Amino acid sequence: MHYVCIENNTVVAILNYLPSVPSTVRLQEITDAQADQLRAQTHYFDIADNAVKTVAENVAVQKTTELANAHWKILRHIRQKALNITTSLSDAEYIQLEQQREAAAARVV
């Protein structure tokens, strides 16, 4: 067994023994195989889920979040234009976001 030491929502150590830690440090037990994956940097420890996840999963979540943010910014821009108020995006920024969304859609199809 291995132990992930978490302090202030940050992984501070991965140990192959049960350490004696202060109350500010939380321990999460993981398997030897999971510890190997973390060391190889093919996986990361997700503090929110207390789980070892592949780096690819993290990249997918980040991409989904970025796309959702782009959708929100575009919708806000369209609403602001319709209401005839100053937009948060310049026309060039709006076009750039639309191009990013179009490129993302092309990758899916």
PDB file of N, CA and C in Angstrom:
ATOM      1  N   MET A   1       0.825  -1.184   0.000  1.00  0.00           N
ATOM      2  CA  MET A   1       0.000   0.000   0.000  1.00  0.00           C
ATOM      3  C   MET A   1       0.873   1.252   0.000  1.00  0.00           C
ATOM      4  N   HIS A   2       0.296   2.325  -0.537  1.00  0.00           N
ATOM      5  CA  HIS A   2       0.910   3.636  -0.529  1.00  0.00           C
ATOM      6  C   HIS A   2      -0.092   4.625   0.038  1.00  0.00           C
ATOM      7  N   TYR A   3       0.416   5.778   0.427  1.00  0.00           N
ATOM      8  CA  TYR A   3      -0.441   6.798   1.027  1.00  0.00           C
ATOM      9  C   TYR A   3      -0.168   8.140   0.366  1.00  0.00           C
ATOM     10  N   VAL A   4      -1.250   8.797  -0.040  1.00  0.00           N
ATOM     11  CA  VAL A   4      -1.163  10.142  -0.586  1.00  0.00           C
ATOM     12  C   VAL A   4      -1.391  11.089   0.587  1.00  0.00           C
ATOM     13  N   CYS A   5      -0.471  12.015   0.781  1.00  0.00           N
ATOM     14  CA  CYS A   5      -0.585  13.006   1.848  1.00  0.00           C
ATOM     15  C   CYS A   5      -1.104  14.301   1.226  1.00  0.00           C
ATOM     16  N   ILE A   6      -2.217  14.790   1.767  1.00  0.00           N
ATOM     17  CA  ILE A   6      -2.872  15.975   1.217  1.00  0.00           C
ATOM     18  C   ILE A   6      -2.941  17.043   2.299  1.00  0.00           C
ATOM     19  N   GLU A   7      -2.426  18.216   1.960  1.00  0.00           N
ATOM     20  CA  GLU A   7      -2.467  19.340   2.894  1.00  0.00           C
ATOM     21  C   GLU A   7      -2.838  20.598   2.114  1.00  0.00           C
ATOM     22  N   ASN A   8      -3.794  21.356   2.632  1.00  0.00           N
ATOM     23  CA  ASN A   8      -4.262  22.578   1.967  1.00  0.00           C
ATOM     24  C   ASN A   8      -4.691  22.300   0.525  1.00  0.00           C
ATOM     25  N   ASN A   9      -5.422  21.181   0.336  1.00  0.00           N
ATOM     26  CA  ASN A   9      -5.913  20.775  -0.985  1.00  0.00           C
ATOM     27  C   ASN A   9      -4.803  20.598  -2.014  1.00  0.00           C
ATOM     28  N   THR A  10      -3.646  20.167  -1.541  1.00  0.00           N
ATOM     29  CA  THR A  10      -2.507  19.912  -2.415  1.00  0.00           C
ATOM     30  C   THR A  10      -1.858  18.592  -2.010  1.00  0.00           C
ATOM     31  N   VAL A  11      -1.510  17.779  -2.996  1.00  0.00           N
ATOM     32  CA  VAL A  11      -0.773  16.556  -2.717  1.00  0.00           C
ATOM     33  C   VAL A  11       0.653  16.965  -2.363  1.00  0.00           C
ATOM     34  N   VAL A  12       1.080  16.595  -1.153  1.00  0.00           N
ATOM     35  CA  VAL A  12       2.416  16.987  -0.706  1.00  0.00           C
ATOM     36  C   VAL A  12       3.404  15.826  -0.705  1.00  0.00           C
ATOM     37  N   ALA A  13       2.878  14.598  -0.718  1.00  0.00           N
ATOM     38  CA  ALA A  13       3.780  13.442  -0.729  1.00  0.00           C
ATOM     39  C   ALA A  13       3.002  12.178  -1.068  1.00  0.00           C
ATOM     40  N   ILE A  14       3.732  11.208  -1.603  1.00  0.00           N
ATOM     41  CA  ILE A  14       3.207   9.860  -1.804  1.00  0.00           C
ATOM     42  C   ILE A  14       4.232   8.932  -1.169  1.00  0.00           C
ATOM     43  N   LEU A  15       3.788   8.212  -0.151  1.00  0.00           N
ATOM     44  CA  LEU A  15       4.720   7.399   0.649  1.00  0.00           C
ATOM     45  C   LEU A  15       4.333   5.931   0.608  1.00  0.00           C
ATOM     46  N   ASN A  16       5.333   5.066   0.774  1.00  0.00           N
ATOM     47  CA  ASN A  16       5.072   3.627   0.774  1.00  0.00           C
ATOM     48  C   ASN A  16       4.976   3.062   2.189  1.00  0.00           C
ATOM     49  N   TYR A  17       4.701   3.924   3.145  1.00  0.00           N
ATOM     50  CA  TYR A  17       4.498   3.513   4.531  1.00  0.00           C
ATOM     51  C   TYR A  17       3.450   4.441   5.149  1.00  0.00           C
ATOM     52  N   LEU A  18       2.824   3.988   6.213  1.00  0.00           N
ATOM     53  CA  LEU A  18       1.820   4.786   6.905  1.00  0.00           C
ATOM     54  C   LEU A  18       2.540   5.797   7.792  1.00  0.00           C
ATOM     55  N   PRO A  19       2.518   7.064   7.415  1.00  0.00           N
ATOM     56  CA  PRO A  19       3.262   8.061   8.183  1.00  0.00           C
ATOM     57  C   PRO A  19       2.464   8.580   9.375  1.00  0.00           C
ATOM     58  N   SER A  20       3.182   9.129  10.301  1.00  0.00           N
ATOM     59  CA  SER A  20       2.559   9.858  11.399  1.00  0.00           C
ATOM     60  C   SER A  20       2.550  11.317  10.961  1.00  0.00           C
ATOM     61  N   VAL A  21       1.358  11.874  10.788  1.00  0.00           N
ATOM     62  CA  VAL A  21       1.251  13.224  10.233  1.00  0.00           C
ATOM     63  C   VAL A  21       0.448  14.120  11.165  1.00  0.00           C
ATOM     64  N   PRO A  22       0.636  15.425  11.062  1.00  0.00           N
ATOM     65  CA  PRO A  22      -0.165  16.339  11.879  1.00  0.00           C
ATOM     66  C   PRO A  22      -1.626  16.338  11.408  1.00  0.00           C
ATOM     67  N   SER A  23      -2.493  16.903  12.194  1.00  0.00           N
ATOM     68  CA  SER A  23      -3.922  16.893  11.888  1.00  0.00           C
ATOM     69  C   SER A  23      -4.257  17.701  10.638  1.00  0.00           C
ATOM     70  N   THR A  24      -3.344  18.522  10.172  1.00  0.00           N
ATOM     71  CA  THR A  24      -3.585  19.313   8.967  1.00  0.00           C
ATOM     72  C   THR A  24      -3.388  18.513   7.683  1.00  0.00           C
ATOM     73  N   VAL A  25      -2.842  17.310   7.821  1.00  0.00           N
ATOM     74  CA  VAL A  25      -2.574  16.461   6.659  1.00  0.00           C
ATOM     75  C   VAL A  25      -3.587  15.322   6.633  1.00  0.00           C
ATOM     76  N   ARG A  26      -4.198  15.145   5.468  1.00  0.00           N
ATOM     77  CA  ARG A  26      -5.153  14.054   5.267  1.00  0.00           C
ATOM     78  C   ARG A  26      -4.456  12.950   4.476  1.00  0.00           C
ATOM     79  N   LEU A  27      -4.704  11.702   4.855  1.00  0.00           N
ATOM     80  CA  LEU A  27      -4.105  10.561   4.170  1.00  0.00           C
ATOM     81  C   LEU A  27      -5.151   9.832   3.344  1.00  0.00           C
ATOM     82  N   GLN A  28      -4.756   9.427   2.141  1.00  0.00           N
ATOM     83  CA  GLN A  28      -5.617   8.603   1.294  1.00  0.00           C
ATOM     84  C   GLN A  28      -4.804   7.392   0.856  1.00  0.00           C
ATOM     85  N   GLU A  29      -5.324   6.227   1.115  1.00  0.00           N
ATOM     86  CA  GLU A  29      -4.633   4.995   0.754  1.00  0.00           C
ATOM     87  C   GLU A  29      -4.846   4.699  -0.727  1.00  0.00           C
ATOM     88  N   ILE A  30      -3.758   4.309  -1.411  1.00  0.00           N
ATOM     89  CA  ILE A  30      -3.830   3.891  -2.806  1.00  0.00           C
ATOM     90  C   ILE A  30      -3.027   2.605  -2.973  1.00  0.00           C
ATOM     91  N   THR A  31      -3.238   1.937  -4.084  1.00  0.00           N
ATOM     92  CA  THR A  31      -2.522   0.683  -4.332  1.00  0.00           C
ATOM     93  C   THR A  31      -1.100   0.971  -4.820  1.00  0.00           C
ATOM     94  N   ASP A  32      -0.265  -0.067  -4.793  1.00  0.00           N
ATOM     95  CA  ASP A  32       1.096   0.065  -5.318  1.00  0.00           C
ATOM     96  C   ASP A  32       1.056   0.399  -6.808  1.00  0.00           C
ATOM     97  N   ALA A  33       0.130  -0.232  -7.533  1.00  0.00           N
ATOM     98  CA  ALA A  33       0.005   0.026  -8.973  1.00  0.00           C
ATOM     99  C   ALA A  33      -0.366   1.478  -9.232  1.00  0.00           C
ATOM    100  N   GLN A  34      -1.274   2.028  -8.432  1.00  0.00           N
ATOM    101  CA  GLN A  34      -1.653   3.435  -8.589  1.00  0.00           C
ATOM    102  C   GLN A  34      -0.474   4.359  -8.289  1.00  0.00           C
ATOM    103  N   ALA A  35       0.302   4.019  -7.295  1.00  0.00           N
ATOM    104  CA  ALA A  35       1.489   4.819  -6.977  1.00  0.00           C
ATOM    105  C   ALA A  35       2.469   4.799  -8.153  1.00  0.00           C
ATOM    106  N   ASP A  36       2.624   3.637  -8.787  1.00  0.00           N
ATOM    107  CA  ASP A  36       3.488   3.535  -9.965  1.00  0.00           C
ATOM    108  C   ASP A  36       2.978   4.433 -11.099  1.00  0.00           C
ATOM    109  N   GLN A  37       1.659   4.467 -11.285  1.00  0.00           N
ATOM    110  CA  GLN A  37       1.067   5.310 -12.328  1.00  0.00           C
ATOM    111  C   GLN A  37       1.318   6.792 -12.045  1.00  0.00           C
ATOM    112  N   LEU A  38       1.212   7.168 -10.790  1.00  0.00           N
ATOM    113  CA  LEU A  38       1.470   8.560 -10.424  1.00  0.00           C
ATOM    114  C   LEU A  38       2.928   8.927 -10.665  1.00  0.00           C
ATOM    115  N   ARG A  39       3.826   8.041 -10.295  1.00  0.00           N
ATOM    116  CA  ARG A  39       5.261   8.287 -10.511  1.00  0.00           C
ATOM    117  C   ARG A  39       5.594   8.390 -11.994  1.00  0.00           C
ATOM    118  N   ALA A  40       4.903   7.581 -12.807  1.00  0.00           N
ATOM    119  CA  ALA A  40       5.139   7.602 -14.255  1.00  0.00           C
ATOM    120  C   ALA A  40       4.503   8.827 -14.922  1.00  0.00           C
ATOM    121  N   GLN A  41       3.691   9.547 -14.165  1.00  0.00           N
ATOM    122  CA  GLN A  41       3.005  10.745 -14.626  1.00  0.00           C
ATOM    123  C   GLN A  41       2.015  10.465 -15.754  1.00  0.00           C
ATOM    124  N   THR A  42       1.528   9.224 -15.847  1.00  0.00           N
ATOM    125  CA  THR A  42       0.450   8.902 -16.777  1.00  0.00           C
ATOM    126  C   THR A  42      -0.894   9.128 -16.101  1.00  0.00           C
ATOM    127  N   HIS A  43      -0.850   9.294 -14.768  1.00  0.00           N
ATOM    128  CA  HIS A  43      -2.053   9.509 -13.966  1.00  0.00           C
ATOM    129  C   HIS A  43      -1.794  10.642 -12.976  1.00  0.00           C
ATOM    130  N   TYR A  44      -2.878  11.148 -12.398  1.00  0.00           N
ATOM    131  CA  TYR A  44      -2.768  12.167 -11.364  1.00  0.00           C
ATOM    132  C   TYR A  44      -3.767  11.827 -10.267  1.00  0.00           C
ATOM    133  N   PHE A  45      -3.573  12.410  -9.105  1.00  0.00           N
ATOM    134  CA  PHE A  45      -4.494  12.179  -7.996  1.00  0.00           C
ATOM    135  C   PHE A  45      -5.491  13.319  -7.955  1.00  0.00           C
ATOM    136  N   ASP A  46      -6.772  12.989  -8.127  1.00  0.00           N
ATOM    137  CA  ASP A  46      -7.849  13.982  -8.092  1.00  0.00           C
ATOM    138  C   ASP A  46      -8.302  14.131  -6.643  1.00  0.00           C
ATOM    139  N   ILE A  47      -7.976  15.264  -6.046  1.00  0.00           N
ATOM    140  CA  ILE A  47      -8.277  15.502  -4.636  1.00  0.00           C
ATOM    141  C   ILE A  47      -9.778  15.531  -4.389  1.00  0.00           C
ATOM    142  N   ALA A  48     -10.533  16.084  -5.324  1.00  0.00           N
ATOM    143  CA  ALA A  48     -11.985  16.194  -5.145  1.00  0.00           C
ATOM    144  C   ALA A  48     -12.649  14.820  -5.059  1.00  0.00           C
ATOM    145  N   ASP A  49     -12.159  13.871  -5.853  1.00  0.00           N
ATOM    146  CA  ASP A  49     -12.746  12.528  -5.889  1.00  0.00           C
ATOM    147  C   ASP A  49     -11.973  11.493  -5.080  1.00  0.00           C
ATOM    148  N   ASN A  50     -10.802  11.883  -4.558  1.00  0.00           N
ATOM    149  CA  ASN A  50      -9.921  10.928  -3.880  1.00  0.00           C
ATOM    150  C   ASN A  50      -9.652   9.719  -4.764  1.00  0.00           C
ATOM    151  N   ALA A  51      -9.328  10.001  -6.021  1.00  0.00           N
ATOM    152  CA  ALA A  51      -9.131   8.916  -6.975  1.00  0.00           C
ATOM    153  C   ALA A  51      -7.931   9.202  -7.870  1.00  0.00           C
ATOM    154  N   VAL A  52      -7.314   8.136  -8.328  1.00  0.00           N
ATOM    155  CA  VAL A  52      -6.235   8.232  -9.302  1.00  0.00           C
ATOM    156  C   VAL A  52      -6.888   8.178 -10.677  1.00  0.00           C
ATOM    157  N   LYS A  53      -6.603   9.173 -11.505  1.00  0.00           N
ATOM    158  CA  LYS A  53      -7.220   9.266 -12.827  1.00  0.00           C
ATOM    159  C   LYS A  53      -6.147   9.450 -13.888  1.00  0.00           C
ATOM    160  N   THR A  54      -6.487   9.058 -15.119  1.00  0.00           N
ATOM    161  CA  THR A  54      -5.533   9.224 -16.206  1.00  0.00           C
ATOM    162  C   THR A  54      -5.391  10.691 -16.565  1.00  0.00           C
ATOM    163  N   VAL A  55      -4.229  11.042 -17.040  1.00  0.00           N
ATOM    164  CA  VAL A  55      -3.987  12.417 -17.468  1.00  0.00           C
ATOM    165  C   VAL A  55      -4.937  12.766 -18.605  1.00  0.00           C
ATOM    166  N   ALA A  56      -5.244  11.811 -19.466  1.00  0.00           N
ATOM    167  CA  ALA A  56      -6.164  12.062 -20.578  1.00  0.00           C
ATOM    168  C   ALA A  56      -7.532  12.495 -20.068  1.00  0.00           C
ATOM    169  N   GLU A  57      -8.014  11.923 -18.955  1.00  0.00           N
ATOM    170  CA  GLU A  57      -9.293  12.332 -18.380  1.00  0.00           C
ATOM    171  C   GLU A  57      -9.246  13.794 -17.970  1.00  0.00           C
ATOM    172  N   ASN A  58      -8.144  14.207 -17.383  1.00  0.00           N
ATOM    173  CA  ASN A  58      -7.996  15.585 -16.940  1.00  0.00           C
ATOM    174  C   ASN A  58      -8.001  16.533 -18.131  1.00  0.00           C
ATOM    175  N   VAL A  59      -7.318  16.159 -19.191  1.00  0.00           N
ATOM    176  CA  VAL A  59      -7.278  16.987 -20.395  1.00  0.00           C
ATOM    177  C   VAL A  59      -8.676  17.106 -20.986  1.00  0.00           C
ATOM    178  N   ALA A  60      -9.429  15.999 -21.001  1.00  0.00           N
ATOM    179  CA  ALA A  60     -10.794  16.027 -21.540  1.00  0.00           C
ATOM    180  C   ALA A  60     -11.678  16.955 -20.718  1.00  0.00           C
ATOM    181  N   VAL A  61     -11.552  16.916 -19.404  1.00  0.00           N
ATOM    182  CA  VAL A  61     -12.350  17.794 -18.536  1.00  0.00           C
ATOM    183  C   VAL A  61     -11.988  19.248 -18.799  1.00  0.00           C
ATOM    184  N   GLN A  62     -10.703  19.543 -18.930  1.00  0.00           N
ATOM    185  CA  GLN A  62     -10.273  20.916 -19.196  1.00  0.00           C
ATOM    186  C   GLN A  62     -10.816  21.414 -20.525  1.00  0.00           C
ATOM    187  N   LYS A  63     -10.764  20.565 -21.555  1.00  0.00           N
ATOM    188  CA  LYS A  63     -11.266  20.952 -22.873  1.00  0.00           C
ATOM    189  C   LYS A  63     -12.766  21.203 -22.827  1.00  0.00           C
ATOM    190  N   THR A  64     -13.500  20.346 -22.112  1.00  0.00           N
ATOM    191  CA  THR A  64     -14.943  20.520 -21.980  1.00  0.00           C
ATOM    192  C   THR A  64     -15.259  21.824 -21.262  1.00  0.00           C
ATOM    193  N   THR A  65     -14.514  22.130 -20.220  1.00  0.00           N
ATOM    194  CA  THR A  65     -14.716  23.370 -19.472  1.00  0.00           C
ATOM    195  C   THR A  65     -14.411  24.578 -20.348  1.00  0.00           C
ATOM    196  N   GLU A  66     -13.331  24.519 -21.118  1.00  0.00           N
ATOM    197  CA  GLU A  66     -12.978  25.620 -22.011  1.00  0.00           C
ATOM    198  C   GLU A  66     -14.077  25.848 -23.044  1.00  0.00           C
ATOM    199  N   LEU A  67     -14.624  24.764 -23.591  1.00  0.00           N
ATOM    200  CA  LEU A  67     -15.675  24.888 -24.585  1.00  0.00           C
ATOM    201  C   LEU A  67     -16.948  25.458 -23.965  1.00  0.00           C
ATOM    202  N   ALA A  68     -17.284  25.025 -22.756  1.00  0.00           N
ATOM    203  CA  ALA A  68     -18.456  25.558 -22.062  1.00  0.00           C
ATOM    204  C   ALA A  68     -18.286  27.053 -21.796  1.00  0.00           C
ATOM    205  N   ASN A  69     -17.088  27.457 -21.417  1.00  0.00           N
ATOM    206  CA  ASN A  69     -16.814  28.879 -21.197  1.00  0.00           C
ATOM    207  C   ASN A  69     -16.973  29.675 -22.493  1.00  0.00           C
ATOM    208  N   ALA A  70     -16.515  29.096 -23.601  1.00  0.00           N
ATOM    209  CA  ALA A  70     -16.653  29.767 -24.899  1.00  0.00           C
ATOM    210  C   ALA A  70     -18.130  29.911 -25.253  1.00  0.00           C
ATOM    211  N   HIS A  71     -18.921  28.857 -25.034  1.00  0.00           N
ATOM    212  CA  HIS A  71     -20.366  28.924 -25.314  1.00  0.00           C
ATOM    213  C   HIS A  71     -21.006  30.050 -24.508  1.00  0.00           C
ATOM    214  N   TRP A  72     -20.659  30.114 -23.238  1.00  0.00           N
ATOM    215  CA  TRP A  72     -21.249  31.133 -22.357  1.00  0.00           C
ATOM    216  C   TRP A  72     -20.882  32.533 -22.834  1.00  0.00           C
ATOM    217  N   LYS A  73     -19.611  32.740 -23.195  1.00  0.00           N
ATOM    218  CA  LYS A  73     -19.168  34.055 -23.650  1.00  0.00           C
ATOM    219  C   LYS A  73     -19.870  34.459 -24.952  1.00  0.00           C
ATOM    220  N   ILE A  74     -20.053  33.490 -25.839  1.00  0.00           N
ATOM    221  CA  ILE A  74     -20.727  33.769 -27.107  1.00  0.00           C
ATOM    222  C   ILE A  74     -22.189  34.126 -26.876  1.00  0.00           C
ATOM    223  N   LEU A  75     -22.855  33.359 -26.034  1.00  0.00           N
ATOM    224  CA  LEU A  75     -24.261  33.659 -25.740  1.00  0.00           C
ATOM    225  C   LEU A  75     -24.401  35.032 -25.086  1.00  0.00           C
ATOM    226  N   ARG A  76     -23.489  35.353 -24.172  1.00  0.00           N
ATOM    227  CA  ARG A  76     -23.519  36.663 -23.532  1.00  0.00           C
ATOM    228  C   ARG A  76     -23.344  37.762 -24.570  1.00  0.00           C
ATOM    229  N   HIS A  77     -22.409  37.563 -25.495  1.00  0.00           N
ATOM    230  CA  HIS A  77     -22.144  38.553 -26.542  1.00  0.00           C
ATOM    231  C   HIS A  77     -23.396  38.764 -27.406  1.00  0.00           C
ATOM    232  N   ILE A  78     -24.037  37.679 -27.798  1.00  0.00           N
ATOM    233  CA  ILE A  78     -25.245  37.764 -28.629  1.00  0.00           C
ATOM    234  C   ILE A  78     -26.360  38.495 -27.872  1.00  0.00           C
ATOM    235  N   ARG A  79     -26.542  38.180 -26.582  1.00  0.00           N
ATOM    236  CA  ARG A  79     -27.562  38.854 -25.772  1.00  0.00           C
ATOM    237  C   ARG A  79     -27.268  40.347 -25.654  1.00  0.00           C
ATOM    238  N   GLN A  80     -26.015  40.673 -25.403  1.00  0.00           N
ATOM    239  CA  GLN A  80     -25.647  42.084 -25.257  1.00  0.00           C
ATOM    240  C   GLN A  80     -25.898  42.845 -26.556  1.00  0.00           C
ATOM    241  N   LYS A  81     -25.584  42.229 -27.685  1.00  0.00           N
ATOM    242  CA  LYS A  81     -25.854  42.856 -28.989  1.00  0.00           C
ATOM    243  C   LYS A  81     -27.354  43.066 -29.160  1.00  0.00           C
ATOM    244  N   ALA A  82     -28.153  42.037 -28.835  1.00  0.00           N
ATOM    245  CA  ALA A  82     -29.606  42.121 -28.990  1.00  0.00           C
ATOM    246  C   ALA A  82     -30.200  43.206 -28.101  1.00  0.00           C
ATOM    247  N   LEU A  83     -29.610  43.403 -26.933  1.00  0.00           N
ATOM    248  CA  LEU A  83     -30.103  44.419 -26.000  1.00  0.00           C
ATOM    249  C   LEU A  83     -29.505  45.805 -26.271  1.00  0.00           C
ATOM    250  N   ASN A  84     -28.638  45.844 -27.291  1.00  0.00           N
ATOM    251  CA  ASN A  84     -28.006  47.098 -27.691  1.00  0.00           C
ATOM    252  C   ASN A  84     -27.203  47.724 -26.541  1.00  0.00           C
ATOM    253  N   ILE A  85     -26.451  46.860 -25.822  1.00  0.00           N
ATOM    254  CA  ILE A  85     -25.573  47.348 -24.762  1.00  0.00           C
ATOM    255  C   ILE A  85     -24.127  47.016 -25.129  1.00  0.00           C
ATOM    256  N   THR A  86     -23.200  47.646 -24.465  1.00  0.00           N
ATOM    257  CA  THR A  86     -21.777  47.413 -24.735  1.00  0.00           C
ATOM    258  C   THR A  86     -21.455  45.936 -24.501  1.00  0.00           C
ATOM    259  N   THR A  87     -20.792  45.343 -25.475  1.00  0.00           N
ATOM    260  CA  THR A  87     -20.466  43.914 -25.376  1.00  0.00           C
ATOM    261  C   THR A  87     -19.185  43.699 -24.581  1.00  0.00           C
ATOM    262  N   SER A  88     -19.104  42.547 -23.943  1.00  0.00           N
ATOM    263  CA  SER A  88     -17.909  42.182 -23.172  1.00  0.00           C
ATOM    264  C   SER A  88     -16.778  41.745 -24.090  1.00  0.00           C
ATOM    265  N   LEU A  89     -17.128  41.278 -25.283  1.00  0.00           N
ATOM    266  CA  LEU A  89     -16.134  40.835 -26.260  1.00  0.00           C
ATOM    267  C   LEU A  89     -16.080  41.830 -27.413  1.00  0.00           C
ATOM    268  N   SER A  90     -14.897  41.982 -27.953  1.00  0.00           N
ATOM    269  CA  SER A  90     -14.797  42.739 -29.200  1.00  0.00           C
ATOM    270  C   SER A  90     -15.305  41.825 -30.320  1.00  0.00           C
ATOM    271  N   ASP A  91     -15.578  42.407 -31.475  1.00  0.00           N
ATOM    272  CA  ASP A  91     -16.028  41.579 -32.593  1.00  0.00           C
ATOM    273  C   ASP A  91     -14.961  40.551 -32.969  1.00  0.00           C
ATOM    274  N   ALA A  92     -13.701  40.930 -32.887  1.00  0.00           N
ATOM    275  CA  ALA A  92     -12.601  40.011 -33.213  1.00  0.00           C
ATOM    276  C   ALA A  92     -12.548  38.851 -32.223  1.00  0.00           C
ATOM    277  N   GLU A  93     -12.748  39.141 -30.929  1.00  0.00           N
ATOM    278  CA  GLU A  93     -12.754  38.077 -29.917  1.00  0.00           C
ATOM    279  C   GLU A  93     -13.934  37.133 -30.137  1.00  0.00           C
ATOM    280  N   TYR A  94     -15.080  37.707 -30.485  1.00  0.00           N
ATOM    281  CA  TYR A  94     -16.268  36.899 -30.768  1.00  0.00           C
ATOM    282  C   TYR A  94     -16.002  35.947 -31.940  1.00  0.00           C
ATOM    283  N   ILE A  95     -15.450  36.476 -33.025  1.00  0.00           N
ATOM    284  CA  ILE A  95     -15.139  35.656 -34.207  1.00  0.00           C
ATOM    285  C   ILE A  95     -14.141  34.560 -33.841  1.00  0.00           C
ATOM    286  N   GLN A  96     -13.144  34.888 -33.036  1.00  0.00           N
ATOM    287  CA  GLN A  96     -12.139  33.899 -32.627  1.00  0.00           C
ATOM    288  C   GLN A  96     -12.796  32.756 -31.852  1.00  0.00           C
ATOM    289  N   LEU A  97     -13.707  33.082 -30.940  1.00  0.00           N
ATOM    290  CA  LEU A  97     -14.404  32.039 -30.179  1.00  0.00           C
ATOM    291  C   LEU A  97     -15.276  31.176 -31.093  1.00  0.00           C
ATOM    292  N   GLU A  98     -15.951  31.809 -32.038  1.00  0.00           N
ATOM    293  CA  GLU A  98     -16.776  31.043 -32.984  1.00  0.00           C
ATOM    294  C   GLU A  98     -15.908  30.109 -33.826  1.00  0.00           C
ATOM    295  N   GLN A  99     -14.726  30.577 -34.209  1.00  0.00           N
ATOM    296  CA  GLN A  99     -13.807  29.724 -34.973  1.00  0.00           C
ATOM    297  C   GLN A  99     -13.325  28.544 -34.134  1.00  0.00           C
ATOM    298  N   GLN A 100     -13.068  28.781 -32.849  1.00  0.00           N
ATOM    299  CA  GLN A 100     -12.659  27.690 -31.954  1.00  0.00           C
ATOM    300  C   GLN A 100     -13.775  26.666 -31.820  1.00  0.00           C
ATOM    301  N   ARG A 101     -15.009  27.145 -31.677  1.00  0.00           N
ATOM    302  CA  ARG A 101     -16.147  26.220 -31.567  1.00  0.00           C
ATOM    303  C   ARG A 101     -16.317  25.419 -32.855  1.00  0.00           C
ATOM    304  N   GLU A 102     -16.148  26.070 -33.984  1.00  0.00           N
ATOM    305  CA  GLU A 102     -16.291  25.387 -35.276  1.00  0.00           C
ATOM    306  C   GLU A 102     -15.213  24.309 -35.425  1.00  0.00           C
ATOM    307  N   ALA A 103     -13.983  24.643 -35.016  1.00  0.00           N
ATOM    308  CA  ALA A 103     -12.883  23.665 -35.096  1.00  0.00           C
ATOM    309  C   ALA A 103     -13.161  22.486 -34.161  1.00  0.00           C
ATOM    310  N   ALA A 104     -13.695  22.756 -32.973  1.00  0.00           N
ATOM    311  CA  ALA A 104     -14.038  21.677 -32.021  1.00  0.00           C
ATOM    312  C   ALA A 104     -15.131  20.795 -32.610  1.00  0.00           C
ATOM    313  N   ALA A 105     -16.126  21.393 -33.247  1.00  0.00           N
ATOM    314  CA  ALA A 105     -17.214  20.627 -33.854  1.00  0.00           C
ATOM    315  C   ALA A 105     -16.691  19.752 -34.986  1.00  0.00           C
ATOM    316  N   ALA A 106     -15.756  20.265 -35.752  1.00  0.00           N
ATOM    317  CA  ALA A 106     -15.184  19.496 -36.866  1.00  0.00           C
ATOM    318  C   ALA A 106     -14.413  18.277 -36.368  1.00  0.00           C
ATOM    319  N   ARG A 107     -13.777  18.404 -35.194  1.00  0.00           N
ATOM    320  CA  ARG A 107     -13.029  17.272 -34.630  1.00  0.00           C
ATOM    321  C   ARG A 107     -13.961  16.173 -34.163  1.00  0.00           C
ATOM    322  N   VAL A 108     -15.167  16.530 -33.745  1.00  0.00           N
ATOM    323  CA  VAL A 108     -16.122  15.548 -33.242  1.00  0.00           C
ATOM    324  C   VAL A 108     -16.733  14.762 -34.390  1.00  0.00           C
ATOM    325  N   VAL A 109     -17.000  15.443 -35.482  1.00  0.00           N
ATOM    326  CA  VAL A 109     -17.682  14.816 -36.627  1.00  0.00           C
ATOM    327  C   VAL A 109     -16.760  13.953 -37.381  1.00  0.00           C
TER     328      VAL A 109
END
